[in-house]
Every structure is written in C-alpha cells, then in structure tokens.
Amino acid sequence: MFRRTFLALTAATALSTPAFADGHMKDIVDTAVGAGSFTTLVAAVEAAGLVDTLKGEGPFTVFAPTDDAFAALPEGTVENLLKPENKDQLTAILTYHVVPGKVMSTDLTNGMAAATVEGAEVTIMTEGGVMVNDANVTTADIEASNGVIHVIDKVIMPPM
C-alpha cells in the first residue's frame, strides 16, 4: 500500500511540474515521453505521423490517455490501429483528443463543448470531477512549451 501511494505521489509530482530540458520547457511530445506513462500514446502518435505536428508551435490542448487507458481497450485494438493500413482511423482517434489552443482547467465550464482537431466536439463536465465525454481527467494543467496536457483515464472515440 505504501509503495503504491509513494509511486502515485511521485508520478503526480513529476506530471504536475512544468517540464524543462536544458532550462527550456519541453513540447507536448517530449513531456509525454518524459512522463513514462504514455508509451502507447507516443507510439500511436508516431505511427500516425503526428509527432512533428504535436512538436509544432501550437498551442494545443491534449487529452492524453495513459497506458492503462489504452490497455483497457478490447484485446487487439491497439495493435490493429497501429497497422499502416489503419493510419486514417488512428489519426482520427488521436486528433479527437486534441483541441486547438491552450485550454487550462480554469477555462472549463460545465457542459462546455470543444471542437477537436478531428472535427467533432467533445463535451466537458465539471460537476463531481472533470470529465471529457466519458473519461475522467486524473491530472490537469501539465504545461508544455506549445500547449497543455490533461491526463485522462480512458481513450475517447470520435462519433462515427
């Protein structure tokens, strides 16, 4: 129990401080890589060819599913999405997790709709904890040089 609490507090502390490298704040991709709990997300961003975009000027708001969130998908889903022939579907899912602009938690209101880069909207709920569609925000406001990351506990899917 103590070890799990310590690990959770260590991860929360690492994620809640601005990410700096050589005195400069890291971009969204480097921040996610450095956190260590987004290896599946980073692999998906690479497979979709979105690394340069998310390292770009931005600003972007990324609702970042953890490795556990990806692991909760039906068996074989991630492996299937990472195949080159499914790049368009993967890109649609990933860009549904990105909102143009830097939206901090203090900017959120209950029932707010936000247009994603994918084109569809996500719904933000703030009562009883912050949710994006049906995913809980577990850590908010992780600042990066080109935007902000909000950690979510579920992969959200764009409407079909």
C-alpha atoms as a PDB file:
ATOM      1  CA  MET A   1       0.000   0.000   0.000  1.00  0.00           C
ATOM      2  CA  PHE A   2       2.744   2.447   0.956  1.00  0.00           C
ATOM      3  CA  ARG A   3       4.705   1.660  -2.200  1.00  0.00           C
ATOM      4  CA  ARG A   4       1.651   2.194  -4.438  1.00  0.00           C
ATOM      5  CA  THR A   5       0.888   5.514  -2.690  1.00  0.00           C
ATOM      6  CA  PHE A   6       4.512   6.597  -2.998  1.00  0.00           C
ATOM      7  CA  LEU A   7       4.574   5.722  -6.704  1.00  0.00           C
ATOM      8  CA  ALA A   8       1.304   7.559  -7.314  1.00  0.00           C
ATOM      9  CA  LEU A   9       2.569  10.651  -5.476  1.00  0.00           C
ATOM     10  CA  THR A  10       5.877  10.523  -7.346  1.00  0.00           C
ATOM     11  CA  ALA A  11       4.097  10.285 -10.702  1.00  0.00           C
ATOM     12  CA  ALA A  12       1.694  13.078  -9.797  1.00  0.00           C
ATOM     13  CA  THR A  13       4.561  15.327  -8.717  1.00  0.00           C
ATOM     14  CA  ALA A  14       6.523  14.618 -11.889  1.00  0.00           C
ATOM     15  CA  LEU A  15       3.497  15.358 -14.056  1.00  0.00           C
ATOM     16  CA  SER A  16       2.342  18.456 -12.197  1.00  0.00           C
ATOM     17  CA  THR A  17       5.525  20.448 -12.614  1.00  0.00           C
ATOM     18  CA  PRO A  18       6.468  22.188 -15.851  1.00  0.00           C
ATOM     19  CA  ALA A  19       8.711  20.012 -17.995  1.00  0.00           C
ATOM     20  CA  PHE A  20      12.102  21.599 -18.605  1.00  0.00           C
ATOM     21  CA  ALA A  21      15.083  20.436 -20.626  1.00  0.00           C
ATOM     22  CA  ASP A  22      18.279  22.474 -20.614  1.00  0.00           C
ATOM     23  CA  GLY A  23      16.390  25.343 -18.995  1.00  0.00           C
ATOM     24  CA  HIS A  24      13.669  25.327 -21.658  1.00  0.00           C
ATOM     25  CA  MET A  25      10.158  23.961 -21.319  1.00  0.00           C
ATOM     26  CA  LYS A  26       9.559  20.728 -23.283  1.00  0.00           C
ATOM     27  CA  ASP A  27       6.940  20.449 -26.010  1.00  0.00           C
ATOM     28  CA  ILE A  28       3.893  18.196 -25.723  1.00  0.00           C
ATOM     29  CA  VAL A  29       5.573  15.119 -27.223  1.00  0.00           C
ATOM     30  CA  ASP A  30       8.741  15.399 -25.118  1.00  0.00           C
ATOM     31  CA  THR A  31       6.659  15.998 -21.998  1.00  0.00           C
ATOM     32  CA  ALA A  32       4.627  12.846 -22.701  1.00  0.00           C
ATOM     33  CA  VAL A  33       7.785  10.824 -23.377  1.00  0.00           C
ATOM     34  CA  GLY A  34       9.383  12.087 -20.175  1.00  0.00           C
ATOM     35  CA  ALA A  35       6.357  11.201 -18.057  1.00  0.00           C
ATOM     36  CA  GLY A  36       6.791   7.497 -18.802  1.00  0.00           C
ATOM     37  CA  SER A  37       3.082   6.630 -18.613  1.00  0.00           C
ATOM     38  CA  PHE A  38       2.227   7.487 -22.217  1.00  0.00           C
ATOM     39  CA  THR A  39       4.320   4.981 -24.188  1.00  0.00           C
ATOM     40  CA  THR A  40       1.288   3.676 -26.098  1.00  0.00           C
ATOM     41  CA  LEU A  41       0.104   7.211 -26.892  1.00  0.00           C
ATOM     42  CA  VAL A  42       3.562   8.207 -28.102  1.00  0.00           C
ATOM     43  CA  ALA A  43       3.817   5.055 -30.244  1.00  0.00           C
ATOM     44  CA  ALA A  44       0.395   5.846 -31.738  1.00  0.00           C
ATOM     45  CA  VAL A  45       1.375   9.474 -32.423  1.00  0.00           C
ATOM     46  CA  GLU A  46       4.500   8.199 -34.207  1.00  0.00           C
ATOM     47  CA  ALA A  47       2.516   5.605 -36.231  1.00  0.00           C
ATOM     48  CA  ALA A  48       0.014   8.280 -37.282  1.00  0.00           C
ATOM     49  CA  GLY A  49       2.785  10.668 -38.355  1.00  0.00           C
ATOM     50  CA  LEU A  50       1.676  13.350 -35.877  1.00  0.00           C
ATOM     51  CA  VAL A  51       4.959  13.874 -34.000  1.00  0.00           C
ATOM     52  CA  ASP A  52       6.009  16.951 -35.981  1.00  0.00           C
ATOM     53  CA  THR A  53       2.537  18.455 -35.599  1.00  0.00           C
ATOM     54  CA  LEU A  54       2.487  17.992 -31.814  1.00  0.00           C
ATOM     55  CA  LYS A  55       6.037  19.326 -31.591  1.00  0.00           C
ATOM     56  CA  GLY A  56       4.930  22.349 -33.641  1.00  0.00           C
ATOM     57  CA  GLU A  57       4.130  25.839 -32.496  1.00  0.00           C
ATOM     58  CA  GLY A  58       0.569  25.141 -31.329  1.00  0.00           C
ATOM     59  CA  PRO A  59      -0.819  25.881 -28.912  1.00  0.00           C
ATOM     60  CA  PHE A  60      -2.632  22.595 -28.386  1.00  0.00           C
ATOM     61  CA  THR A  61      -4.657  21.081 -25.588  1.00  0.00           C
ATOM     62  CA  VAL A  62      -4.176  17.318 -25.456  1.00  0.00           C
ATOM     63  CA  PHE A  63      -6.427  14.983 -23.501  1.00  0.00           C
ATOM     64  CA  ALA A  64      -3.812  12.258 -23.045  1.00  0.00           C
ATOM     65  CA  PRO A  65      -4.916   8.698 -22.283  1.00  0.00           C
ATOM     66  CA  THR A  66      -2.469   6.757 -20.119  1.00  0.00           C
ATOM     67  CA  ASP A  67      -1.024   3.370 -20.997  1.00  0.00           C
ATOM     68  CA  ASP A  68      -3.645   1.849 -18.669  1.00  0.00           C
ATOM     69  CA  ALA A  69      -6.395   3.596 -20.661  1.00  0.00           C
ATOM     70  CA  PHE A  70      -5.128   2.019 -23.884  1.00  0.00           C
ATOM     71  CA  ALA A  71      -4.764  -1.354 -22.147  1.00  0.00           C
ATOM     72  CA  ALA A  72      -8.459  -1.203 -21.200  1.00  0.00           C
ATOM     73  CA  LEU A  73      -9.486  -1.242 -24.881  1.00  0.00           C
ATOM     74  CA  PRO A  74     -10.644  -4.605 -26.242  1.00  0.00           C
ATOM     75  CA  GLU A  75      -7.781  -7.014 -26.862  1.00  0.00           C
ATOM     76  CA  GLY A  76      -6.031  -6.429 -30.183  1.00  0.00           C
ATOM     77  CA  THR A  77      -7.471  -2.923 -30.703  1.00  0.00           C
ATOM     78  CA  VAL A  78      -4.204  -1.038 -30.234  1.00  0.00           C
ATOM     79  CA  GLU A  79      -2.214  -3.499 -32.332  1.00  0.00           C
ATOM     80  CA  ASN A  80      -4.807  -3.252 -35.103  1.00  0.00           C
ATOM     81  CA  LEU A  81      -4.817   0.564 -35.035  1.00  0.00           C
ATOM     82  CA  LEU A  82      -1.015   0.683 -35.266  1.00  0.00           C
ATOM     83  CA  LYS A  83      -1.044  -1.165 -38.608  1.00  0.00           C
ATOM     84  CA  PRO A  84      -0.166   1.095 -41.568  1.00  0.00           C
ATOM     85  CA  GLU A  85      -3.444   0.304 -43.332  1.00  0.00           C
ATOM     86  CA  ASN A  86      -5.363   1.774 -40.354  1.00  0.00           C
ATOM     87  CA  LYS A  87      -3.449   5.057 -40.202  1.00  0.00           C
ATOM     88  CA  ASP A  88      -6.510   7.165 -41.104  1.00  0.00           C
ATOM     89  CA  GLN A  89      -8.606   5.640 -38.311  1.00  0.00           C
ATOM     90  CA  LEU A  90      -5.735   6.036 -35.829  1.00  0.00           C
ATOM     91  CA  THR A  91      -5.253   9.656 -36.877  1.00  0.00           C
ATOM     92  CA  ALA A  92      -8.971  10.358 -36.392  1.00  0.00           C
ATOM     93  CA  ILE A  93      -8.907   8.891 -32.876  1.00  0.00           C
ATOM     94  CA  LEU A  94      -5.763  10.758 -31.872  1.00  0.00           C
ATOM     95  CA  THR A  95      -6.865  14.116 -33.284  1.00  0.00           C
ATOM     96  CA  TYR A  96     -10.157  13.690 -31.394  1.00  0.00           C
ATOM     97  CA  HIS A  97      -8.015  14.011 -28.239  1.00  0.00           C
ATOM     98  CA  VAL A  98      -6.629  17.398 -29.334  1.00  0.00           C
ATOM     99  CA  VAL A  99      -8.274  20.816 -29.104  1.00  0.00           C
ATOM    100  CA  PRO A 100      -6.679  23.838 -30.794  1.00  0.00           C
ATOM    101  CA  GLY A 101      -5.488  26.448 -28.317  1.00  0.00           C
ATOM    102  CA  LYS A 102      -4.314  26.216 -24.727  1.00  0.00           C
ATOM    103  CA  VAL A 103      -7.292  25.377 -22.514  1.00  0.00           C
ATOM    104  CA  MET A 104      -6.426  25.308 -18.825  1.00  0.00           C
ATOM    105  CA  SER A 105      -8.708  23.744 -16.216  1.00  0.00           C
ATOM    106  CA  THR A 106      -9.714  27.228 -15.054  1.00  0.00           C
ATOM    107  CA  ASP A 107     -11.129  27.865 -18.550  1.00  0.00           C
ATOM    108  CA  LEU A 108     -13.577  24.964 -18.325  1.00  0.00           C
ATOM    109  CA  THR A 109     -17.290  25.228 -17.629  1.00  0.00           C
ATOM    110  CA  ASN A 110     -19.851  22.515 -17.024  1.00  0.00           C
ATOM    111  CA  GLY A 111     -21.450  21.289 -20.248  1.00  0.00           C
ATOM    112  CA  MET A 112     -18.975  23.114 -22.463  1.00  0.00           C
ATOM    113  CA  ALA A 113     -18.425  21.749 -25.959  1.00  0.00           C
ATOM    114  CA  ALA A 114     -14.983  21.988 -27.523  1.00  0.00           C
ATOM    115  CA  ALA A 115     -14.213  21.409 -31.188  1.00  0.00           C
ATOM    116  CA  THR A 116     -11.367  18.950 -31.685  1.00  0.00           C
ATOM    117  CA  VAL A 117      -8.758  18.868 -34.430  1.00  0.00           C
ATOM    118  CA  GLU A 118     -10.599  15.781 -35.766  1.00  0.00           C
ATOM    119  CA  GLY A 119     -13.651  17.966 -36.359  1.00  0.00           C
ATOM    120  CA  ALA A 120     -16.173  16.589 -33.879  1.00  0.00           C
ATOM    121  CA  GLU A 121     -16.777  18.094 -30.455  1.00  0.00           C
ATOM    122  CA  VAL A 122     -16.023  16.745 -27.001  1.00  0.00           C
ATOM    123  CA  THR A 123     -18.218  17.632 -24.027  1.00  0.00           C
ATOM    124  CA  ILE A 124     -16.625  18.826 -20.809  1.00  0.00           C
ATOM    125  CA  MET A 125     -18.385  18.248 -17.493  1.00  0.00           C
ATOM    126  CA  THR A 126     -17.053  19.802 -14.298  1.00  0.00           C
ATOM    127  CA  GLU A 127     -19.502  18.718 -11.609  1.00  0.00           C
ATOM    128  CA  GLY A 128     -18.167  15.982  -9.350  1.00  0.00           C
ATOM    129  CA  GLY A 129     -14.789  15.998 -11.100  1.00  0.00           C
ATOM    130  CA  VAL A 130     -13.769  16.975 -14.603  1.00  0.00           C
ATOM    131  CA  MET A 131     -14.741  14.661 -17.449  1.00  0.00           C
ATOM    132  CA  VAL A 132     -14.152  14.763 -21.198  1.00  0.00           C
ATOM    133  CA  ASN A 133     -17.010  12.788 -22.715  1.00  0.00           C
ATOM    134  CA  ASP A 134     -16.904   9.682 -20.502  1.00  0.00           C
ATOM    135  CA  ALA A 135     -13.231   9.911 -19.478  1.00  0.00           C
ATOM    136  CA  ASN A 136     -12.133  11.303 -16.130  1.00  0.00           C
ATOM    137  CA  VAL A 137      -9.382  13.917 -16.026  1.00  0.00           C
ATOM    138  CA  THR A 138      -6.947  12.482 -13.492  1.00  0.00           C
ATOM    139  CA  THR A 139      -4.241  15.172 -13.758  1.00  0.00           C
ATOM    140  CA  ALA A 140      -4.850  18.613 -15.226  1.00  0.00           C
ATOM    141  CA  ASP A 141      -2.769  21.520 -16.465  1.00  0.00           C
ATOM    142  CA  ILE A 142       0.553  19.895 -17.328  1.00  0.00           C
ATOM    143  CA  GLU A 143       2.099  22.790 -19.173  1.00  0.00           C
ATOM    144  CA  ALA A 144       4.330  22.340 -22.208  1.00  0.00           C
ATOM    145  CA  SER A 145       6.048  24.888 -24.426  1.00  0.00           C
ATOM    146  CA  ASN A 146       3.348  24.522 -27.072  1.00  0.00           C
ATOM    147  CA  GLY A 147       0.233  23.861 -25.022  1.00  0.00           C
ATOM    148  CA  VAL A 148      -1.137  21.846 -22.162  1.00  0.00           C
ATOM    149  CA  ILE A 149      -1.822  18.192 -21.354  1.00  0.00           C
ATOM    150  CA  HIS A 150      -4.727  16.887 -19.307  1.00  0.00           C
ATOM    151  CA  VAL A 151      -4.343  13.215 -18.385  1.00  0.00           C
ATOM    152  CA  ILE A 152      -7.467  11.079 -18.892  1.00  0.00           C
ATOM    153  CA  ASP A 153      -8.267   7.541 -17.791  1.00  0.00           C
ATOM    154  CA  LYS A 154      -9.969   6.365 -20.974  1.00  0.00           C
ATOM    155  CA  VAL A 155      -9.449   6.542 -24.731  1.00  0.00           C
ATOM    156  CA  ILE A 156     -12.290   8.628 -26.166  1.00  0.00           C
ATOM    157  CA  MET A 157     -13.657   7.699 -29.583  1.00  0.00           C
ATOM    158  CA  PRO A 158     -14.916  10.149 -32.186  1.00  0.00           C
ATOM    159  CA  PRO A 159     -18.526   9.721 -33.284  1.00  0.00           C
ATOM    160  CA  MET A 160     -18.799   7.552 -36.377  1.00  0.00           C
END
